[in-house]
Amino acid sequence: MKTYSAKPSDIEKKWYIVDAEGIALGRLASRLAIRLRGKHKPMFTPHMDCGDNIVVINAEKIRLTGKKRDQDQFYWHTNHPGGLKSRSKGEILDGRFPERVLEKAVERMLPRGPMGRQVMGNMKVYAGTEHPHEAQKPEVLDIAGMNEKNKRG
């Protein structure tokens, strides 16, 4: 018996649209990471991009439980002495690019390296309801309906 390994001609990519309004950040990010990587498919091959393309809308209306909105910090360094900077998730969600909170959550659930960067290119995140991907005819993926805890709160 031979181990199955998908070829580029065997891979079928679908387009999905996800409405992130009111869904818990971690639950949404984990579902998106699984779909982007392709682990939900029986033909999953670790070294191939088997995942689907996902469009996320309403990223600014994502839900953070507990005190994460104020206490969770994103850190970066300016490469100058004393240049450690931070910003809370709430500040980012209220700021100019609220979609970055979801992008970082998903990015940190994917493998580092060329495969992770390629897979992240398959996800498009928009703060509002408008998106330019109507031509791909994306199917609706109801993550809020998968589990009652996803939208609880």
N, C-alpha and C. Protein backbone atom coordinates (compact mmCIF):
# COMPACT_ATOMS: atom_id res chain seq x y z
N MET A 1 0.84 -1.18 0.00
CA MET A 1 0.00 0.00 0.00
C MET A 1 0.89 1.24 0.00
N LYS A 2 0.60 2.20 -0.89
CA LYS A 2 1.40 3.40 -1.01
C LYS A 2 0.71 4.58 -0.31
N THR A 3 1.51 5.47 0.19
CA THR A 3 0.99 6.69 0.81
C THR A 3 0.57 7.65 -0.29
N TYR A 4 -0.61 8.23 -0.14
CA TYR A 4 -1.11 9.17 -1.13
C TYR A 4 -0.41 10.51 -0.99
N SER A 5 0.00 11.08 -2.09
CA SER A 5 0.60 12.40 -2.12
C SER A 5 -0.06 13.19 -3.26
N ALA A 6 -0.69 14.29 -2.93
CA ALA A 6 -1.42 15.08 -3.92
C ALA A 6 -0.46 15.77 -4.88
N LYS A 7 -0.87 15.84 -6.14
CA LYS A 7 -0.13 16.56 -7.16
C LYS A 7 -0.84 17.89 -7.41
N PRO A 8 -0.16 18.87 -7.96
CA PRO A 8 -0.83 20.16 -8.21
C PRO A 8 -2.07 20.04 -9.09
N SER A 9 -2.12 19.06 -9.97
CA SER A 9 -3.30 18.89 -10.82
C SER A 9 -4.47 18.29 -10.06
N ASP A 10 -4.23 17.64 -8.92
CA ASP A 10 -5.29 17.03 -8.12
C ASP A 10 -5.98 18.03 -7.19
N ILE A 11 -5.36 19.15 -6.94
CA ILE A 11 -5.85 20.09 -5.93
C ILE A 11 -6.95 20.97 -6.50
N GLU A 12 -8.07 20.99 -5.80
CA GLU A 12 -9.20 21.86 -6.15
C GLU A 12 -9.37 22.89 -5.05
N LYS A 13 -9.29 24.15 -5.43
CA LYS A 13 -9.45 25.23 -4.44
C LYS A 13 -10.82 25.86 -4.62
N LYS A 14 -11.53 26.01 -3.50
CA LYS A 14 -12.82 26.69 -3.51
C LYS A 14 -12.66 28.04 -2.85
N TRP A 15 -13.64 28.91 -3.08
CA TRP A 15 -13.68 30.22 -2.45
C TRP A 15 -14.80 30.23 -1.43
N TYR A 16 -14.50 30.72 -0.23
CA TYR A 16 -15.49 30.83 0.84
C TYR A 16 -15.51 32.25 1.35
N ILE A 17 -16.68 32.67 1.83
CA ILE A 17 -16.81 33.97 2.47
C ILE A 17 -17.29 33.74 3.90
N VAL A 18 -16.66 34.43 4.86
CA VAL A 18 -16.96 34.25 6.27
C VAL A 18 -17.31 35.62 6.85
N ASP A 19 -18.45 35.70 7.54
CA ASP A 19 -18.84 36.92 8.24
C ASP A 19 -18.35 36.80 9.68
N ALA A 20 -17.41 37.65 10.09
CA ALA A 20 -16.77 37.54 11.40
C ALA A 20 -17.52 38.29 12.50
N GLU A 21 -18.66 38.85 12.20
CA GLU A 21 -19.38 39.67 13.18
C GLU A 21 -19.82 38.83 14.38
N GLY A 22 -19.34 39.20 15.57
CA GLY A 22 -19.75 38.56 16.81
C GLY A 22 -19.11 37.22 17.10
N ILE A 23 -18.17 36.76 16.29
CA ILE A 23 -17.54 35.46 16.52
C ILE A 23 -16.27 35.68 17.35
N ALA A 24 -16.01 34.77 18.28
CA ALA A 24 -14.82 34.85 19.12
C ALA A 24 -13.56 34.72 18.27
N LEU A 25 -12.57 35.55 18.54
CA LEU A 25 -11.36 35.63 17.72
C LEU A 25 -10.63 34.30 17.60
N GLY A 26 -10.33 33.65 18.70
CA GLY A 26 -9.55 32.41 18.67
C GLY A 26 -10.27 31.28 17.96
N ARG A 27 -11.57 31.18 18.17
CA ARG A 27 -12.35 30.12 17.52
C ARG A 27 -12.39 30.33 16.01
N LEU A 28 -12.56 31.57 15.59
CA LEU A 28 -12.57 31.89 14.17
C LEU A 28 -11.20 31.64 13.56
N ALA A 29 -10.15 32.09 14.22
CA ALA A 29 -8.80 31.95 13.69
C ALA A 29 -8.41 30.48 13.52
N SER A 30 -8.78 29.63 14.48
CA SER A 30 -8.41 28.22 14.37
C SER A 30 -9.15 27.55 13.21
N ARG A 31 -10.42 27.87 13.02
CA ARG A 31 -11.17 27.31 11.88
C ARG A 31 -10.60 27.78 10.55
N LEU A 32 -10.23 29.06 10.48
CA LEU A 32 -9.67 29.59 9.24
C LEU A 32 -8.31 28.96 8.94
N ALA A 33 -7.49 28.76 9.97
CA ALA A 33 -6.17 28.15 9.77
C ALA A 33 -6.30 26.73 9.23
N ILE A 34 -7.26 25.97 9.74
CA ILE A 34 -7.48 24.60 9.26
C ILE A 34 -7.91 24.62 7.80
N ARG A 35 -8.84 25.52 7.44
CA ARG A 35 -9.32 25.62 6.06
C ARG A 35 -8.23 26.10 5.11
N LEU A 36 -7.46 27.08 5.53
CA LEU A 36 -6.39 27.61 4.68
C LEU A 36 -5.32 26.57 4.40
N ARG A 37 -5.01 25.79 5.39
CA ARG A 37 -3.96 24.76 5.26
C ARG A 37 -4.46 23.56 4.46
N GLY A 38 -5.77 23.30 4.48
CA GLY A 38 -6.34 22.18 3.74
C GLY A 38 -6.49 20.93 4.57
N LYS A 39 -6.37 21.03 5.89
CA LYS A 39 -6.43 19.85 6.75
C LYS A 39 -7.83 19.27 6.87
N HIS A 40 -8.85 19.97 6.39
CA HIS A 40 -10.21 19.45 6.42
C HIS A 40 -10.48 18.51 5.25
N LYS A 41 -9.55 18.42 4.32
CA LYS A 41 -9.74 17.58 3.13
C LYS A 41 -9.03 16.24 3.32
N PRO A 42 -9.62 15.16 2.79
CA PRO A 42 -8.97 13.85 2.91
C PRO A 42 -7.70 13.73 2.08
N MET A 43 -7.51 14.60 1.11
CA MET A 43 -6.34 14.54 0.25
C MET A 43 -5.21 15.45 0.75
N PHE A 44 -5.23 15.86 2.01
CA PHE A 44 -4.22 16.77 2.57
C PHE A 44 -2.82 16.19 2.40
N THR A 45 -1.93 17.03 1.89
CA THR A 45 -0.53 16.69 1.73
C THR A 45 0.29 17.82 2.36
N PRO A 46 1.16 17.51 3.32
CA PRO A 46 1.82 18.57 4.09
C PRO A 46 2.67 19.55 3.27
N HIS A 47 3.27 19.10 2.18
CA HIS A 47 4.17 19.98 1.44
C HIS A 47 3.48 20.70 0.28
N MET A 48 2.15 20.55 0.15
CA MET A 48 1.40 21.20 -0.93
C MET A 48 0.37 22.16 -0.34
N ASP A 49 0.05 23.20 -1.09
CA ASP A 49 -1.00 24.14 -0.67
C ASP A 49 -2.35 23.57 -1.12
N CYS A 50 -2.98 22.80 -0.24
CA CYS A 50 -4.25 22.13 -0.54
C CYS A 50 -5.45 22.94 -0.08
N GLY A 51 -5.22 24.04 0.63
CA GLY A 51 -6.30 24.79 1.26
C GLY A 51 -7.14 25.59 0.30
N ASP A 52 -8.20 26.17 0.84
CA ASP A 52 -9.13 26.98 0.06
C ASP A 52 -8.81 28.45 0.21
N ASN A 53 -9.42 29.27 -0.63
CA ASN A 53 -9.32 30.72 -0.55
C ASN A 53 -10.47 31.22 0.32
N ILE A 54 -10.18 32.12 1.25
CA ILE A 54 -11.18 32.59 2.19
C ILE A 54 -11.21 34.10 2.20
N VAL A 55 -12.42 34.66 2.12
CA VAL A 55 -12.65 36.10 2.23
C VAL A 55 -13.38 36.33 3.54
N VAL A 56 -12.81 37.15 4.43
CA VAL A 56 -13.42 37.44 5.72
C VAL A 56 -13.91 38.89 5.69
N ILE A 57 -15.19 39.08 6.02
CA ILE A 57 -15.75 40.43 6.09
C ILE A 57 -16.13 40.74 7.53
N ASN A 58 -16.33 42.01 7.83
CA ASN A 58 -16.70 42.50 9.17
C ASN A 58 -15.66 42.14 10.22
N ALA A 59 -14.39 42.23 9.89
CA ALA A 59 -13.33 41.90 10.84
C ALA A 59 -13.28 42.89 12.00
N GLU A 60 -13.79 44.09 11.81
CA GLU A 60 -13.79 45.08 12.89
C GLU A 60 -14.82 44.76 13.97
N LYS A 61 -15.76 43.86 13.69
CA LYS A 61 -16.82 43.51 14.64
C LYS A 61 -16.57 42.17 15.32
N ILE A 62 -15.32 41.72 15.30
CA ILE A 62 -14.96 40.46 15.93
C ILE A 62 -15.06 40.61 17.45
N ARG A 63 -15.31 39.51 18.15
CA ARG A 63 -15.53 39.57 19.59
C ARG A 63 -14.31 39.04 20.34
N LEU A 64 -13.92 39.78 21.36
CA LEU A 64 -12.85 39.36 22.25
C LEU A 64 -13.46 39.11 23.62
N THR A 65 -13.21 37.96 24.20
CA THR A 65 -13.81 37.61 25.49
C THR A 65 -12.95 38.10 26.64
N GLY A 66 -13.57 38.26 27.78
CA GLY A 66 -12.85 38.66 28.98
C GLY A 66 -12.23 40.04 28.85
N LYS A 67 -11.02 40.19 29.35
CA LYS A 67 -10.32 41.48 29.33
C LYS A 67 -9.28 41.55 28.21
N LYS A 68 -9.39 40.66 27.22
CA LYS A 68 -8.39 40.60 26.16
C LYS A 68 -8.32 41.89 25.36
N ARG A 69 -9.43 42.59 25.25
CA ARG A 69 -9.46 43.83 24.48
C ARG A 69 -8.47 44.87 25.05
N ASP A 70 -8.31 44.89 26.37
CA ASP A 70 -7.43 45.87 27.00
C ASP A 70 -6.08 45.30 27.42
N GLN A 71 -6.03 44.02 27.77
CA GLN A 71 -4.81 43.46 28.37
C GLN A 71 -3.90 42.74 27.38
N ASP A 72 -4.43 42.17 26.31
CA ASP A 72 -3.57 41.50 25.32
C ASP A 72 -2.84 42.56 24.52
N GLN A 73 -1.52 42.43 24.43
CA GLN A 73 -0.69 43.41 23.75
C GLN A 73 0.02 42.76 22.56
N PHE A 74 0.17 43.55 21.49
CA PHE A 74 1.05 43.19 20.38
C PHE A 74 2.32 44.00 20.55
N TYR A 75 3.46 43.33 20.53
CA TYR A 75 4.74 44.00 20.73
C TYR A 75 5.54 44.01 19.43
N TRP A 76 6.35 45.05 19.24
CA TRP A 76 7.32 45.10 18.17
C TRP A 76 8.47 45.98 18.63
N HIS A 77 9.60 45.87 17.95
CA HIS A 77 10.78 46.63 18.34
C HIS A 77 11.26 47.45 17.16
N THR A 78 11.66 48.67 17.41
CA THR A 78 12.09 49.58 16.34
C THR A 78 13.55 49.40 15.97
N ASN A 79 14.26 48.48 16.65
CA ASN A 79 15.70 48.24 16.46
C ASN A 79 16.56 49.42 16.91
N HIS A 80 16.03 50.24 17.79
CA HIS A 80 16.80 51.30 18.45
C HIS A 80 16.77 51.00 19.94
N PRO A 81 17.76 51.46 20.67
CA PRO A 81 17.75 51.23 22.13
C PRO A 81 16.48 51.77 22.78
N GLY A 82 15.84 50.95 23.58
CA GLY A 82 14.60 51.37 24.25
C GLY A 82 13.42 51.46 23.30
N GLY A 83 13.49 50.75 22.17
CA GLY A 83 12.47 50.89 21.13
C GLY A 83 11.39 49.84 21.17
N LEU A 84 11.11 49.25 22.34
CA LEU A 84 10.04 48.26 22.43
C LEU A 84 8.70 48.99 22.46
N LYS A 85 7.83 48.69 21.51
CA LYS A 85 6.51 49.34 21.41
C LYS A 85 5.44 48.30 21.61
N SER A 86 4.26 48.74 22.02
CA SER A 86 3.14 47.82 22.17
C SER A 86 1.83 48.54 21.90
N ARG A 87 0.84 47.76 21.54
CA ARG A 87 -0.49 48.29 21.30
C ARG A 87 -1.47 47.18 21.67
N SER A 88 -2.56 47.52 22.35
CA SER A 88 -3.53 46.51 22.75
C SER A 88 -4.41 46.13 21.56
N LYS A 89 -5.05 44.98 21.67
CA LYS A 89 -5.95 44.53 20.60
C LYS A 89 -7.12 45.50 20.43
N GLY A 90 -7.59 46.08 21.51
CA GLY A 90 -8.68 47.05 21.43
C GLY A 90 -8.27 48.30 20.65
N GLU A 91 -7.04 48.77 20.88
CA GLU A 91 -6.55 49.94 20.14
C GLU A 91 -6.45 49.64 18.65
N ILE A 92 -6.02 48.44 18.31
CA ILE A 92 -5.89 48.07 16.90
C ILE A 92 -7.28 47.95 16.26
N LEU A 93 -8.22 47.31 16.97
CA LEU A 93 -9.58 47.17 16.43
C LEU A 93 -10.26 48.51 16.23
N ASP A 94 -9.96 49.48 17.09
CA ASP A 94 -10.56 50.81 16.96
C ASP A 94 -9.79 51.71 16.01
N GLY A 95 -8.63 51.25 15.57
CA GLY A 95 -7.74 52.07 14.75
C GLY A 95 -8.02 51.96 13.26
N ARG A 96 -6.98 52.24 12.50
CA ARG A 96 -7.09 52.35 11.05
C ARG A 96 -7.17 51.00 10.34
N PHE A 97 -6.49 49.96 10.88
CA PHE A 97 -6.46 48.65 10.24
C PHE A 97 -6.95 47.57 11.21
N PRO A 98 -8.26 47.49 11.48
CA PRO A 98 -8.76 46.51 12.45
C PRO A 98 -8.61 45.06 11.99
N GLU A 99 -8.41 44.83 10.71
CA GLU A 99 -8.29 43.46 10.20
C GLU A 99 -6.97 42.81 10.62
N ARG A 100 -6.01 43.57 11.08
CA ARG A 100 -4.70 43.02 11.44
C ARG A 100 -4.76 42.10 12.65
N VAL A 101 -5.74 42.29 13.53
CA VAL A 101 -5.87 41.41 14.70
C VAL A 101 -6.16 39.99 14.24
N LEU A 102 -7.10 39.83 13.32
CA LEU A 102 -7.43 38.50 12.80
C LEU A 102 -6.29 37.93 11.97
N GLU A 103 -5.65 38.76 11.16
CA GLU A 103 -4.54 38.29 10.33
C GLU A 103 -3.42 37.72 11.19
N LYS A 104 -3.06 38.42 12.27
CA LYS A 104 -2.00 37.95 13.15
C LYS A 104 -2.40 36.67 13.88
N ALA A 105 -3.66 36.58 14.30
CA ALA A 105 -4.11 35.38 15.00
C ALA A 105 -4.01 34.15 14.10
N VAL A 106 -4.42 34.29 12.84
CA VAL A 106 -4.36 33.17 11.90
C VAL A 106 -2.90 32.87 11.52
N GLU A 107 -2.12 33.92 11.28
CA GLU A 107 -0.73 33.75 10.88
C GLU A 107 0.06 32.97 11.91
N ARG A 108 -0.24 33.18 13.19
CA ARG A 108 0.49 32.51 14.25
C ARG A 108 0.02 31.08 14.47
N MET A 109 -1.05 30.66 13.78
CA MET A 109 -1.51 29.28 13.85
C MET A 109 -1.03 28.46 12.66
N LEU A 110 -0.36 29.09 11.73
CA LEU A 110 0.15 28.43 10.53
C LEU A 110 1.65 28.21 10.66
N PRO A 111 2.22 27.29 9.88
CA PRO A 111 3.67 27.06 9.95
C PRO A 111 4.45 28.28 9.47
N ARG A 112 5.62 28.49 10.07
CA ARG A 112 6.50 29.57 9.62
C ARG A 112 7.22 29.10 8.37
N GLY A 113 7.60 30.01 7.52
CA GLY A 113 8.38 29.67 6.33
C GLY A 113 7.60 29.87 5.05
N PRO A 114 8.14 29.39 3.95
CA PRO A 114 7.52 29.63 2.64
C PRO A 114 6.09 29.10 2.53
N MET A 115 5.80 27.94 3.11
CA MET A 115 4.44 27.38 3.02
C MET A 115 3.45 28.26 3.78
N GLY A 116 3.82 28.73 4.95
CA GLY A 116 2.94 29.59 5.72
C GLY A 116 2.65 30.90 5.01
N ARG A 117 3.66 31.48 4.38
CA ARG A 117 3.47 32.73 3.65
C ARG A 117 2.57 32.53 2.44
N GLN A 118 2.74 31.40 1.76
CA GLN A 118 1.90 31.11 0.59
C GLN A 118 0.45 30.92 1.01
N VAL A 119 0.23 30.21 2.10
CA VAL A 119 -1.12 29.94 2.59
C VAL A 119 -1.79 31.23 3.07
N MET A 120 -1.03 32.13 3.70
CA MET A 120 -1.61 33.40 4.16
C MET A 120 -2.07 34.25 2.98
N GLY A 121 -1.47 34.06 1.83
CA GLY A 121 -1.90 34.79 0.63
C GLY A 121 -3.27 34.37 0.14
N ASN A 122 -3.78 33.24 0.64
CA ASN A 122 -5.10 32.76 0.24
C ASN A 122 -6.21 33.34 1.09
N MET A 123 -5.88 34.17 2.08
CA MET A 123 -6.89 34.76 2.95
C MET A 123 -6.94 36.26 2.72
N LYS A 124 -8.13 36.77 2.46
CA LYS A 124 -8.35 38.21 2.29
C LYS A 124 -9.27 38.66 3.41
N VAL A 125 -8.86 39.69 4.16
CA VAL A 125 -9.63 40.16 5.31
C VAL A 125 -10.01 41.62 5.07
N TYR A 126 -11.30 41.93 5.29
CA TYR A 126 -11.81 43.28 5.10
C TYR A 126 -12.55 43.71 6.35
N ALA A 127 -12.35 44.98 6.74
CA ALA A 127 -12.96 45.52 7.95
C ALA A 127 -14.47 45.63 7.82
N GLY A 128 -14.96 46.03 6.67
CA GLY A 128 -16.39 46.21 6.46
C GLY A 128 -17.00 45.06 5.68
N THR A 129 -18.18 45.33 5.10
CA THR A 129 -18.89 44.28 4.36
C THR A 129 -18.54 44.25 2.88
N GLU A 130 -17.86 45.27 2.38
CA GLU A 130 -17.53 45.35 0.96
C GLU A 130 -16.25 44.56 0.66
N HIS A 131 -16.25 43.83 -0.46
CA HIS A 131 -15.05 43.11 -0.90
C HIS A 131 -15.10 42.97 -2.41
N PRO A 132 -13.93 42.92 -3.08
CA PRO A 132 -13.88 42.86 -4.54
C PRO A 132 -13.81 41.45 -5.11
N HIS A 133 -14.34 40.45 -4.41
CA HIS A 133 -14.19 39.05 -4.86
C HIS A 133 -15.51 38.42 -5.27
N GLU A 134 -16.45 39.20 -5.72
CA GLU A 134 -17.74 38.65 -6.17
C GLU A 134 -17.59 37.79 -7.42
N ALA A 135 -16.61 38.08 -8.26
CA ALA A 135 -16.42 37.33 -9.50
C ALA A 135 -16.06 35.87 -9.24
N GLN A 136 -15.47 35.57 -8.08
CA GLN A 136 -15.10 34.19 -7.76
C GLN A 136 -16.28 33.39 -7.23
N LYS A 137 -17.42 34.03 -7.01
CA LYS A 137 -18.64 33.38 -6.50
C LYS A 137 -18.35 32.58 -5.24
N PRO A 138 -17.92 33.25 -4.17
CA PRO A 138 -17.59 32.51 -2.94
C PRO A 138 -18.84 31.94 -2.26
N GLU A 139 -18.69 30.73 -1.73
CA GLU A 139 -19.76 30.11 -0.95
C GLU A 139 -19.70 30.64 0.48
N VAL A 140 -20.85 30.69 1.14
CA VAL A 140 -20.89 31.16 2.53
C VAL A 140 -20.46 30.03 3.45
N LEU A 141 -19.53 30.33 4.34
CA LEU A 141 -19.07 29.39 5.35
C LEU A 141 -19.53 29.93 6.70
N ASP A 142 -20.51 29.25 7.32
CA ASP A 142 -21.12 29.73 8.55
C ASP A 142 -20.37 29.17 9.76
N ILE A 143 -19.35 29.86 10.20
CA ILE A 143 -18.57 29.41 11.35
C ILE A 143 -19.34 29.65 12.64
N ALA A 144 -20.17 30.68 12.68
CA ALA A 144 -20.97 30.96 13.88
C ALA A 144 -21.95 29.83 14.15
N GLY A 145 -22.45 29.17 13.11
CA GLY A 145 -23.41 28.09 13.27
C GLY A 145 -22.79 26.73 13.54
N MET A 146 -21.47 26.59 13.42
CA MET A 146 -20.81 25.30 13.64
C MET A 146 -20.88 24.87 15.10
N ASN A 147 -20.82 25.85 16.01
CA ASN A 147 -20.83 25.54 17.43
C ASN A 147 -21.47 26.73 18.13
N GLU A 148 -22.34 26.48 19.08
CA GLU A 148 -23.03 27.59 19.76
C GLU A 148 -22.07 28.47 20.55
N LYS A 149 -20.91 27.95 20.95
CA LYS A 149 -19.94 28.74 21.69
C LYS A 149 -19.25 29.79 20.83
N ASN A 150 -19.25 29.59 19.52
CA ASN A 150 -18.58 30.52 18.62
C ASN A 150 -19.18 31.92 18.70
N LYS A 151 -20.48 32.00 18.89
CA LYS A 151 -21.15 33.30 18.86
C LYS A 151 -21.70 33.69 20.23
N ARG A 152 -21.49 32.86 21.23
CA ARG A 152 -22.03 33.11 22.55
C ARG A 152 -21.40 34.36 23.17
N GLY A 153 -22.17 35.07 23.97
CA GLY A 153 -21.62 36.21 24.68
C GLY A 153 -22.48 37.35 24.53
